[in-house]
Amino acid sequence: ALPFVAIGLTAAQADYSEQYEKIAVAVSSVQTCEQLGYT
């Protein structure tokens, strides 16, 4: 996850805390989702 965190952060409409939680789940899921066939 660290390469994503080191570069920056996200979105304007939603509360940033909610975005942070969703980003955390997304970033920590990248490799497993790729192994499951997701791009």
Full PDB file with SEQRES, HELIX, SHEET, SSBOND, CRYST1, ORIGX, SCALE, CONECT and MASTER records, all heavy atoms in Angstrom:
SEQRES   1 A   39  ALA LEU PRO PHE VAL ALA ILE GLY LEU THR ALA ALA GLN          
SEQRES   2 A   39  ALA ASP TYR SER GLU GLN TYR GLU LYS ILE ALA VAL ALA          
SEQRES   3 A   39  VAL SER SER VAL GLN THR CYS GLU GLN LEU GLY TYR THR          
HELIX    1 AA1 LEU A    2  ILE A    7  1                                   6    
HELIX    2 AA2 TYR A   16  GLN A   35  1                                  20    
CRYST1    1.000    1.000    1.000  90.00  90.00  90.00 P 1           1          
ORIGX1      1.000000  0.000000  0.000000        0.00000                         
ORIGX2      0.000000  1.000000  0.000000        0.00000                         
ORIGX3      0.000000  0.000000  1.000000        0.00000                         
SCALE1      1.000000  0.000000  0.000000        0.00000                         
SCALE2      0.000000  1.000000  0.000000        0.00000                         
SCALE3      0.000000  0.000000  1.000000        0.00000                         
ATOM      1  N   ALA A   1       0.805  -1.211   0.000  1.00  0.00           N  
ATOM      2  CA  ALA A   1       0.000   0.000   0.000  1.00  0.00           C  
ATOM      3  C   ALA A   1       0.837   1.260   0.000  1.00  0.00           C  
ATOM      4  O   ALA A   1       0.390   2.305  -0.450  1.00  0.00           O  
ATOM      5  CB  ALA A   1      -0.910   0.005   1.226  1.00  0.00           C  
ATOM      6  N   LEU A   2       2.044   1.183   0.488  1.00  0.00           N  
ATOM      7  CA  LEU A   2       2.832   2.386   0.684  1.00  0.00           C  
ATOM      8  C   LEU A   2       3.104   3.189  -0.578  1.00  0.00           C  
ATOM      9  O   LEU A   2       3.119   4.411  -0.517  1.00  0.00           O  
ATOM     10  CB  LEU A   2       4.133   2.047   1.412  1.00  0.00           C  
ATOM     11  CG  LEU A   2       3.898   1.559   2.844  1.00  0.00           C  
ATOM     12  CD1 LEU A   2       5.226   1.245   3.516  1.00  0.00           C  
ATOM     13  CD2 LEU A   2       3.114   2.544   3.659  1.00  0.00           C  
ATOM     14  N   PRO A   3       3.301   2.571  -1.753  1.00  0.00           N  
ATOM     15  CA  PRO A   3       3.513   3.417  -2.928  1.00  0.00           C  
ATOM     16  C   PRO A   3       2.351   4.366  -3.193  1.00  0.00           C  
ATOM     17  O   PRO A   3       2.543   5.486  -3.625  1.00  0.00           O  
ATOM     18  CB  PRO A   3       3.664   2.417  -4.080  1.00  0.00           C  
ATOM     19  CG  PRO A   3       4.134   1.167  -3.424  1.00  0.00           C  
ATOM     20  CD  PRO A   3       3.479   1.163  -2.068  1.00  0.00           C  
ATOM     21  N   PHE A   4       1.138   3.903  -2.910  1.00  0.00           N  
ATOM     22  CA  PHE A   4      -0.022   4.754  -3.121  1.00  0.00           C  
ATOM     23  C   PHE A   4      -0.068   5.876  -2.103  1.00  0.00           C  
ATOM     24  O   PHE A   4      -0.387   7.005  -2.416  1.00  0.00           O  
ATOM     25  CB  PHE A   4      -1.315   3.928  -3.050  1.00  0.00           C  
ATOM     26  CG  PHE A   4      -1.417   2.914  -4.143  1.00  0.00           C  
ATOM     27  CD1 PHE A   4      -1.218   1.575  -3.882  1.00  0.00           C  
ATOM     28  CD2 PHE A   4      -1.683   3.301  -5.444  1.00  0.00           C  
ATOM     29  CE1 PHE A   4      -1.306   0.641  -4.881  1.00  0.00           C  
ATOM     30  CE2 PHE A   4      -1.766   2.374  -6.455  1.00  0.00           C  
ATOM     31  CZ  PHE A   4      -1.585   1.038  -6.182  1.00  0.00           C  
ATOM     32  N   VAL A   5       0.243   5.558  -0.862  1.00  0.00           N  
ATOM     33  CA  VAL A   5       0.200   6.544   0.205  1.00  0.00           C  
ATOM     34  C   VAL A   5       1.289   7.586   0.007  1.00  0.00           C  
ATOM     35  O   VAL A   5       1.083   8.770   0.235  1.00  0.00           O  
ATOM     36  CB  VAL A   5       0.340   5.859   1.580  1.00  0.00           C  
ATOM     37  CG1 VAL A   5       0.415   6.890   2.682  1.00  0.00           C  
ATOM     38  CG2 VAL A   5      -0.832   4.925   1.810  1.00  0.00           C  
ATOM     39  N   ALA A   6       2.447   7.153  -0.427  1.00  0.00           N  
ATOM     40  CA  ALA A   6       3.576   8.066  -0.580  1.00  0.00           C  
ATOM     41  C   ALA A   6       3.307   9.121  -1.639  1.00  0.00           C  
ATOM     42  O   ALA A   6       3.823  10.226  -1.578  1.00  0.00           O  
ATOM     43  CB  ALA A   6       4.832   7.280  -0.930  1.00  0.00           C  
ATOM     44  N   ILE A   7       2.477   8.804  -2.606  1.00  0.00           N  
ATOM     45  CA  ILE A   7       2.244   9.724  -3.713  1.00  0.00           C  
ATOM     46  C   ILE A   7       1.181  10.759  -3.395  1.00  0.00           C  
ATOM     47  O   ILE A   7       1.268  11.891  -3.821  1.00  0.00           O  
ATOM     48  CB  ILE A   7       1.882   8.939  -4.982  1.00  0.00           C  
ATOM     49  CG1 ILE A   7       3.082   8.102  -5.379  1.00  0.00           C  
ATOM     50  CG2 ILE A   7       1.472   9.863  -6.108  1.00  0.00           C  
ATOM     51  CD1 ILE A   7       2.869   7.186  -6.519  1.00  0.00           C  
ATOM     52  N   GLY A   8       0.154  10.402  -2.649  1.00  0.00           N  
ATOM     53  CA  GLY A   8      -0.859  11.411  -2.375  1.00  0.00           C  
ATOM     54  C   GLY A   8      -2.166  10.872  -1.849  1.00  0.00           C  
ATOM     55  O   GLY A   8      -2.211   9.808  -1.304  1.00  0.00           O  
ATOM     56  N   LEU A   9      -3.291  11.623  -2.055  1.00  0.00           N  
ATOM     57  CA  LEU A   9      -4.618  11.295  -1.547  1.00  0.00           C  
ATOM     58  C   LEU A   9      -5.797  11.666  -2.479  1.00  0.00           C  
ATOM     59  O   LEU A   9      -5.574  12.170  -3.533  1.00  0.00           O  
ATOM     60  CB  LEU A   9      -4.791  11.964  -0.185  1.00  0.00           C  
ATOM     61  CG  LEU A   9      -3.741  11.679   0.827  1.00  0.00           C  
ATOM     62  CD1 LEU A   9      -3.836  12.665   1.992  1.00  0.00           C  
ATOM     63  CD2 LEU A   9      -3.851  10.300   1.323  1.00  0.00           C  
ATOM     64  N   THR A  10      -7.196  11.502  -2.098  1.00  0.00           N  
ATOM     65  CA  THR A  10      -8.354  11.692  -3.026  1.00  0.00           C  
ATOM     66  C   THR A  10      -9.557  12.578  -2.759  1.00  0.00           C  
ATOM     67  O   THR A  10      -9.626  13.283  -1.861  1.00  0.00           O  
ATOM     68  CB  THR A  10      -9.022  10.370  -3.385  1.00  0.00           C  
ATOM     69  OG1 THR A  10      -9.292   9.599  -2.466  1.00  0.00           O  
ATOM     70  CG2 THR A  10      -8.885  10.015  -4.703  1.00  0.00           C  
ATOM     71  N   ALA A  11     -10.636  12.409  -3.285  1.00  0.00           N  
ATOM     72  CA  ALA A  11     -11.877  13.029  -3.801  1.00  0.00           C  
ATOM     73  C   ALA A  11     -12.578  14.127  -3.006  1.00  0.00           C  
ATOM     74  O   ALA A  11     -12.507  14.172  -1.812  1.00  0.00           O  
ATOM     75  CB  ALA A  11     -12.879  11.942  -4.155  1.00  0.00           C  
ATOM     76  N   ALA A  12     -13.316  14.947  -3.719  1.00  0.00           N  
ATOM     77  CA  ALA A  12     -13.850  16.178  -3.148  1.00  0.00           C  
ATOM     78  C   ALA A  12     -15.270  16.096  -2.617  1.00  0.00           C  
ATOM     79  O   ALA A  12     -15.547  16.748  -1.622  1.00  0.00           O  
ATOM     80  CB  ALA A  12     -13.733  17.283  -4.182  1.00  0.00           C  
ATOM     81  N   GLN A  13     -16.205  15.381  -3.273  1.00  0.00           N  
ATOM     82  CA  GLN A  13     -17.598  15.425  -2.828  1.00  0.00           C  
ATOM     83  C   GLN A  13     -17.811  14.720  -1.493  1.00  0.00           C  
ATOM     84  O   GLN A  13     -18.526  15.225  -0.646  1.00  0.00           O  
ATOM     85  CB  GLN A  13     -18.580  14.780  -3.793  1.00  0.00           C  
ATOM     86  CG  GLN A  13     -18.465  14.891  -5.237  1.00  0.00           C  
ATOM     87  CD  GLN A  13     -17.343  14.195  -5.924  1.00  0.00           C  
ATOM     88  OE1 GLN A  13     -16.239  14.061  -5.430  1.00  0.00           O  
ATOM     89  NE2 GLN A  13     -17.609  13.791  -7.120  1.00  0.00           N  
ATOM     90  N   ALA A  14     -17.271  13.544  -1.316  1.00  0.00           N  
ATOM     91  CA  ALA A  14     -17.519  12.781  -0.094  1.00  0.00           C  
ATOM     92  C   ALA A  14     -16.628  13.283   1.031  1.00  0.00           C  
ATOM     93  O   ALA A  14     -15.581  13.865   0.801  1.00  0.00           O  
ATOM     94  CB  ALA A  14     -17.256  11.305  -0.351  1.00  0.00           C  
ATOM     95  N   ASP A  15     -17.071  13.050   2.232  1.00  0.00           N  
ATOM     96  CA  ASP A  15     -16.272  13.382   3.401  1.00  0.00           C  
ATOM     97  C   ASP A  15     -14.922  12.678   3.290  1.00  0.00           C  
ATOM     98  O   ASP A  15     -14.855  11.504   2.961  1.00  0.00           O  
ATOM     99  CB  ASP A  15     -17.033  12.908   4.636  1.00  0.00           C  
ATOM    100  CG  ASP A  15     -16.222  13.013   5.890  1.00  0.00           C  
ATOM    101  OD1 ASP A  15     -15.869  14.141   6.271  1.00  0.00           O  
ATOM    102  OD2 ASP A  15     -15.932  11.961   6.480  1.00  0.00           O  
ATOM    103  N   TYR A  16     -13.852  13.395   3.575  1.00  0.00           N  
ATOM    104  CA  TYR A  16     -12.530  12.813   3.369  1.00  0.00           C  
ATOM    105  C   TYR A  16     -12.295  11.587   4.244  1.00  0.00           C  
ATOM    106  O   TYR A  16     -11.601  10.660   3.843  1.00  0.00           O  
ATOM    107  CB  TYR A  16     -11.424  13.856   3.557  1.00  0.00           C  
ATOM    108  CG  TYR A  16     -11.126  14.215   4.985  1.00  0.00           C  
ATOM    109  CD1 TYR A  16     -10.214  13.475   5.725  1.00  0.00           C  
ATOM    110  CD2 TYR A  16     -11.753  15.287   5.597  1.00  0.00           C  
ATOM    111  CE1 TYR A  16      -9.940  13.798   7.037  1.00  0.00           C  
ATOM    112  CE2 TYR A  16     -11.477  15.616   6.908  1.00  0.00           C  
ATOM    113  CZ  TYR A  16     -10.572  14.871   7.627  1.00  0.00           C  
ATOM    114  OH  TYR A  16     -10.305  15.183   8.912  1.00  0.00           O  
ATOM    115  N   SER A  17     -12.881  11.517   5.429  1.00  0.00           N  
ATOM    116  CA  SER A  17     -12.703  10.339   6.290  1.00  0.00           C  
ATOM    117  C   SER A  17     -13.276   9.096   5.631  1.00  0.00           C  
ATOM    118  O   SER A  17     -12.672   8.030   5.660  1.00  0.00           O  
ATOM    119  CB  SER A  17     -13.386  10.550   7.643  1.00  0.00           C  
ATOM    120  OG  SER A  17     -12.766  11.593   8.344  1.00  0.00           O  
ATOM    121  N   GLU A  18     -14.460   9.234   5.043  1.00  0.00           N  
ATOM    122  CA  GLU A  18     -15.075   8.116   4.330  1.00  0.00           C  
ATOM    123  C   GLU A  18     -14.201   7.723   3.141  1.00  0.00           C  
ATOM    124  O   GLU A  18     -13.986   6.542   2.881  1.00  0.00           O  
ATOM    125  CB  GLU A  18     -16.479   8.484   3.853  1.00  0.00           C  
ATOM    126  CG  GLU A  18     -17.158   7.369   3.077  1.00  0.00           C  
ATOM    127  CD  GLU A  18     -18.507   7.773   2.516  1.00  0.00           C  
ATOM    128  OE1 GLU A  18     -18.949   8.917   2.734  1.00  0.00           O  
ATOM    129  OE2 GLU A  18     -19.111   6.927   1.837  1.00  0.00           O  
ATOM    130  N   GLN A  19     -13.704   8.726   2.431  1.00  0.00           N  
ATOM    131  CA  GLN A  19     -12.818   8.440   1.304  1.00  0.00           C  
ATOM    132  C   GLN A  19     -11.574   7.707   1.774  1.00  0.00           C  
ATOM    133  O   GLN A  19     -11.126   6.758   1.134  1.00  0.00           O  
ATOM    134  CB  GLN A  19     -12.399   9.735   0.618  1.00  0.00           C  
ATOM    135  CG  GLN A  19     -13.509  10.409  -0.136  1.00  0.00           C  
ATOM    136  CD  GLN A  19     -12.977  11.621  -0.831  1.00  0.00           C  
ATOM    137  OE1 GLN A  19     -12.142  11.499  -1.706  1.00  0.00           O  
ATOM    138  NE2 GLN A  19     -13.446  12.788  -0.419  1.00  0.00           N  
ATOM    139  N   TYR A  20     -11.006   8.157   2.879  1.00  0.00           N  
ATOM    140  CA  TYR A  20      -9.788   7.531   3.398  1.00  0.00           C  
ATOM    141  C   TYR A  20     -10.035   6.056   3.709  1.00  0.00           C  
ATOM    142  O   TYR A  20      -9.205   5.205   3.416  1.00  0.00           O  
ATOM    143  CB  TYR A  20      -9.304   8.254   4.647  1.00  0.00           C  
ATOM    144  CG  TYR A  20      -8.517   9.517   4.396  1.00  0.00           C  
ATOM    145  CD1 TYR A  20      -8.499  10.144   3.153  1.00  0.00           C  
ATOM    146  CD2 TYR A  20      -7.794  10.099   5.413  1.00  0.00           C  
ATOM    147  CE1 TYR A  20      -7.780  11.301   2.942  1.00  0.00           C  
ATOM    148  CE2 TYR A  20      -7.060  11.264   5.213  1.00  0.00           C  
ATOM    149  CZ  TYR A  20      -7.052  11.859   3.979  1.00  0.00           C  
ATOM    150  OH  TYR A  20      -6.332  13.002   3.777  1.00  0.00           O  
ATOM    151  N   GLU A  21     -11.171   5.760   4.314  1.00  0.00           N  
ATOM    152  CA  GLU A  21     -11.492   4.361   4.634  1.00  0.00           C  
ATOM    153  C   GLU A  21     -11.656   3.538   3.359  1.00  0.00           C  
ATOM    154  O   GLU A  21     -11.167   2.415   3.279  1.00  0.00           O  
ATOM    155  CB  GLU A  21     -12.750   4.280   5.500  1.00  0.00           C  
ATOM    156  CG  GLU A  21     -12.588   4.893   6.869  1.00  0.00           C  
ATOM    157  CD  GLU A  21     -11.429   4.316   7.668  1.00  0.00           C  
ATOM    158  OE1 GLU A  21     -11.229   3.076   7.659  1.00  0.00           O  
ATOM    159  OE2 GLU A  21     -10.711   5.100   8.312  1.00  0.00           O  
ATOM    160  N   LYS A  22     -12.330   4.091   2.376  1.00  0.00           N  
ATOM    161  CA  LYS A  22     -12.522   3.368   1.113  1.00  0.00           C  
ATOM    162  C   LYS A  22     -11.200   3.203   0.362  1.00  0.00           C  
ATOM    163  O   LYS A  22     -10.936   2.164  -0.239  1.00  0.00           O  
ATOM    164  CB  LYS A  22     -13.575   4.055   0.264  1.00  0.00           C  
ATOM    165  CG  LYS A  22     -14.962   3.936   0.881  1.00  0.00           C  
ATOM    166  CD  LYS A  22     -16.036   4.462  -0.006  1.00  0.00           C  
ATOM    167  CE  LYS A  22     -17.387   4.403   0.659  1.00  0.00           C  
ATOM    168  NZ  LYS A  22     -17.866   3.086   0.995  1.00  0.00           N  
ATOM    169  N   ILE A  23     -10.377   4.231   0.396  1.00  0.00           N  
ATOM    170  CA  ILE A  23      -9.056   4.144  -0.230  1.00  0.00           C  
ATOM    171  C   ILE A  23      -8.234   3.067   0.470  1.00  0.00           C  
ATOM    172  O   ILE A  23      -7.559   2.262  -0.191  1.00  0.00           O  
ATOM    173  CB  ILE A  23      -8.330   5.501  -0.181  1.00  0.00           C  
ATOM    174  CG1 ILE A  23      -8.986   6.481  -1.160  1.00  0.00           C  
ATOM    175  CG2 ILE A  23      -6.848   5.341  -0.500  1.00  0.00           C  
ATOM    176  CD1 ILE A  23      -8.537   7.919  -0.981  1.00  0.00           C  
ATOM    177  N   ALA A  24      -8.284   3.036   1.786  1.00  0.00           N  
ATOM    178  CA  ALA A  24      -7.514   2.041   2.540  1.00  0.00           C  
ATOM    179  C   ALA A  24      -7.907   0.623   2.132  1.00  0.00           C  
ATOM    180  O   ALA A  24      -7.042  -0.225   1.892  1.00  0.00           O  
ATOM    181  CB  ALA A  24      -7.717   2.248   4.039  1.00  0.00           C  
ATOM    182  N   VAL A  25      -9.203   0.372   2.016  1.00  0.00           N  
ATOM    183  CA  VAL A  25      -9.670  -0.957   1.590  1.00  0.00           C  
ATOM    184  C   VAL A  25      -9.211  -1.232   0.165  1.00  0.00           C  
ATOM    185  O   VAL A  25      -8.704  -2.319  -0.144  1.00  0.00           O  
ATOM    186  CB  VAL A  25     -11.207  -1.072   1.709  1.00  0.00           C  
ATOM    187  CG1 VAL A  25     -11.715  -2.339   1.040  1.00  0.00           C  
ATOM    188  CG2 VAL A  25     -11.626  -1.025   3.174  1.00  0.00           C  
ATOM    189  N   ALA A  26      -9.364  -0.248  -0.709  1.00  0.00           N  
ATOM    190  CA  ALA A  26      -8.982  -0.438  -2.114  1.00  0.00           C  
ATOM    191  C   ALA A  26      -7.486  -0.719  -2.256  1.00  0.00           C  
ATOM    192  O   ALA A  26      -7.082  -1.681  -2.912  1.00  0.00           O  
ATOM    193  CB  ALA A  26      -9.367   0.794  -2.937  1.00  0.00           C  
ATOM    194  N   VAL A  27      -6.674   0.104  -1.624  1.00  0.00           N  
ATOM    195  CA  VAL A  27      -5.227  -0.029  -1.754  1.00  0.00           C  
ATOM    196  C   VAL A  27      -4.747  -1.350  -1.157  1.00  0.00           C  
ATOM    197  O   VAL A  27      -3.902  -2.024  -1.733  1.00  0.00           O  
ATOM    198  CB  VAL A  27      -4.518   1.181  -1.098  1.00  0.00           C  
ATOM    199  CG1 VAL A  27      -3.030   0.944  -0.943  1.00  0.00           C  
ATOM    200  CG2 VAL A  27      -4.766   2.441  -1.930  1.00  0.00           C  
ATOM    201  N   SER A  28      -5.319  -1.735  -0.026  1.00  0.00           N  
ATOM    202  CA  SER A  28      -4.864  -2.970   0.610  1.00  0.00           C  
ATOM    203  C   SER A  28      -5.387  -4.216  -0.100  1.00  0.00           C  
ATOM    204  O   SER A  28      -4.949  -5.319   0.198  1.00  0.00           O  
ATOM    205  CB  SER A  28      -5.238  -2.997   2.084  1.00  0.00           C  
ATOM    206  OG  SER A  28      -6.627  -3.083   2.246  1.00  0.00           O  
ATOM    207  N   SER A  29      -6.278  -4.039  -1.054  1.00  0.00           N  
ATOM    208  CA  SER A  29      -6.855  -5.169  -1.784  1.00  0.00           C  
ATOM    209  C   SER A  29      -6.255  -5.363  -3.173  1.00  0.00           C  
ATOM    210  O   SER A  29      -6.578  -6.340  -3.852  1.00  0.00           O  
ATOM    211  CB  SER A  29      -8.367  -4.967  -1.936  1.00  0.00           C  
ATOM    212  OG  SER A  29      -8.972  -4.833  -0.681  1.00  0.00           O  
ATOM    213  N   VAL A  30      -5.420  -4.460  -3.613  1.00  0.00           N  
ATOM    214  CA  VAL A  30      -4.923  -4.463  -4.988  1.00  0.00           C  
ATOM    215  C   VAL A  30      -4.353  -5.815  -5.410  1.00  0.00           C  
ATOM    216  O   VAL A  30      -4.788  -6.392  -6.407  1.00  0.00           O  
ATOM    217  CB  VAL A  30      -3.888  -3.338  -5.213  1.00  0.00           C  
ATOM    218  CG1 VAL A  30      -3.123  -3.518  -6.511  1.00  0.00           C  
ATOM    219  CG2 VAL A  30      -4.581  -1.977  -5.200  1.00  0.00           C  
ATOM    220  N   GLN A  31      -3.381  -6.317  -4.686  1.00  0.00           N  
ATOM    221  CA  GLN A  31      -2.713  -7.544  -5.128  1.00  0.00           C  
ATOM    222  C   GLN A  31      -3.643  -8.746  -5.112  1.00  0.00           C  
ATOM    223  O   GLN A  31      -3.629  -9.554  -6.041  1.00  0.00           O  
ATOM    224  CB  GLN A  31      -1.463  -7.808  -4.294  1.00  0.00           C  
ATOM    225  CG  GLN A  31      -0.366  -6.828  -4.605  1.00  0.00           C  
ATOM    226  CD  GLN A  31       0.903  -7.105  -3.811  1.00  0.00           C  
ATOM    227  OE1 GLN A  31       0.883  -7.805  -2.807  1.00  0.00           O  
ATOM    228  NE2 GLN A  31       2.003  -6.541  -4.268  1.00  0.00           N  
ATOM    229  N   THR A  32      -4.466  -8.870  -4.083  1.00  0.00           N  
ATOM    230  CA  THR A  32      -5.380  -9.997  -4.019  1.00  0.00           C  
ATOM    231  C   THR A  32      -6.402  -9.918  -5.144  1.00  0.00           C  
ATOM    232  O   THR A  32      -6.690 -10.927  -5.801  1.00  0.00           O  
ATOM    233  CB  THR A  32      -6.084 -10.057  -2.653  1.00  0.00           C  
ATOM    234  OG1 THR A  32      -5.086 -10.111  -1.634  1.00  0.00           O  
ATOM    235  CG2 THR A  32      -6.990 -11.265  -2.555  1.00  0.00           C  
ATOM    236  N   CYS A  33      -6.936  -8.737  -5.396  1.00  0.00           N  
ATOM    237  CA  CYS A  33      -7.915  -8.590  -6.476  1.00  0.00           C  
ATOM    238  C   CYS A  33      -7.275  -8.896  -7.832  1.00  0.00           C  
ATOM    239  O   CYS A  33      -7.904  -9.521  -8.689  1.00  0.00           O  
ATOM    240  CB  CYS A  33      -8.541  -7.195  -6.453  1.00  0.00           C  
ATOM    241  SG  CYS A  33      -9.620  -6.919  -5.014  1.00  0.00           S  
ATOM    242  N   GLU A  34      -6.036  -8.490  -8.016  1.00  0.00           N  
ATOM    243  CA  GLU A  34      -5.337  -8.835  -9.263  1.00  0.00           C  
ATOM    244  C   GLU A  34      -5.231 -10.354  -9.399  1.00  0.00           C  
ATOM    245  O   GLU A  34      -5.452 -10.898 -10.481  1.00  0.00           O  
ATOM    246  CB  GLU A  34      -3.954  -8.195  -9.306  1.00  0.00           C  
ATOM    247  CG  GLU A  34      -3.995  -6.723  -9.610  1.00  0.00           C  
ATOM    248  CD  GLU A  34      -2.623  -6.060  -9.602  1.00  0.00           C  
ATOM    249  OE1 GLU A  34      -1.710  -6.523  -8.886  1.00  0.00           O  
ATOM    250  OE2 GLU A  34      -2.483  -5.051 -10.320  1.00  0.00           O  
ATOM    251  N   GLN A  35      -4.934 -11.041  -8.305  1.00  0.00           N  
ATOM    252  CA  GLN A  35      -4.840 -12.500  -8.349  1.00  0.00           C  
ATOM    253  C   GLN A  35      -6.185 -13.145  -8.651  1.00  0.00           C  
ATOM    254  O   GLN A  35      -6.227 -14.260  -9.178  1.00  0.00           O  
ATOM    255  CB  GLN A  35      -4.282 -13.030  -7.027  1.00  0.00           C  
ATOM    256  CG  GLN A  35      -2.827 -12.692  -6.836  1.00  0.00           C  
ATOM    257  CD  GLN A  35      -2.294 -13.188  -5.508  1.00  0.00           C  
ATOM    258  OE1 GLN A  35      -3.027 -13.701  -4.665  1.00  0.00           O  
ATOM    259  NE2 GLN A  35      -1.004 -13.020  -5.313  1.00  0.00           N  
ATOM    260  N   LEU A  36      -7.259 -12.430  -8.342  1.00  0.00           N  
ATOM    261  CA  LEU A  36      -8.598 -12.948  -8.612  1.00  0.00           C  
ATOM    262  C   LEU A  36      -9.118 -12.525  -9.978  1.00  0.00           C  
ATOM    263  O   LEU A  36     -10.293 -12.737 -10.284  1.00  0.00           O  
ATOM    264  CB  LEU A  36      -9.560 -12.497  -7.511  1.00  0.00           C  
ATOM    265  CG  LEU A  36      -9.305 -13.124  -6.145  1.00  0.00           C  
ATOM    266  CD1 LEU A  36     -10.218 -12.507  -5.090  1.00  0.00           C  
ATOM    267  CD2 LEU A  36      -9.481 -14.638  -6.197  1.00  0.00           C  
ATOM    268  N   GLY A  37      -8.253 -11.925 -10.803  1.00  0.00           N  
ATOM    269  CA  GLY A  37      -8.629 -11.604 -12.172  1.00  0.00           C  
ATOM    270  C   GLY A  37      -9.117 -10.189 -12.408  1.00  0.00           C  
ATOM    271  O   GLY A  37      -9.667  -9.899 -13.476  1.00  0.00           O  
ATOM    272  N   TYR A  38      -8.918  -9.306 -11.455  1.00  0.00           N  
ATOM    273  CA  TYR A  38      -9.323  -7.917 -11.640  1.00  0.00           C  
ATOM    274  C   TYR A  38      -8.153  -7.118 -12.201  1.00  0.00           C  
ATOM    275  O   TYR A  38      -7.001  -7.363 -11.866  1.00  0.00           O  
ATOM    276  CB  TYR A  38      -9.776  -7.289 -10.310  1.00  0.00           C  
ATOM    277  CG  TYR A  38     -11.122  -7.802  -9.875  1.00  0.00           C  
ATOM    278  CD1 TYR A  38     -11.232  -9.031  -9.236  1.00  0.00           C  
ATOM    279  CD2 TYR A  38     -12.278  -7.078 -10.130  1.00  0.00           C  
ATOM    280  CE1 TYR A  38     -12.479  -9.524  -8.852  1.00  0.00           C  
ATOM    281  CE2 TYR A  38     -13.515  -7.562  -9.743  1.00  0.00           C  
ATOM    282  CZ  TYR A  38     -13.610  -8.787  -9.110  1.00  0.00           C  
ATOM    283  OH  TYR A  38     -14.833  -9.277  -8.736  1.00  0.00           O  
ATOM    284  N   THR A  39      -8.485  -6.168 -13.049  1.00  0.00           N  
ATOM    285  CA  THR A  39      -7.497  -5.217 -13.543  1.00  0.00           C  
ATOM    286  C   THR A  39      -7.623  -3.982 -12.677  1.00  0.00           C  
ATOM    287  O   THR A  39      -8.732  -3.481 -12.446  1.00  0.00           O  
ATOM    288  CB  THR A  39      -7.777  -4.860 -15.019  1.00  0.00           C  
ATOM    289  OG1 THR A  39      -7.720  -6.065 -15.786  1.00  0.00           O  
ATOM    290  CG2 THR A  39      -6.768  -3.859 -15.545  1.00  0.00           C  
TER     291      THR A  39                                                      
MASTER        0    0    0    2    0    0    0    6  290    1    0    3          
END                                                                             
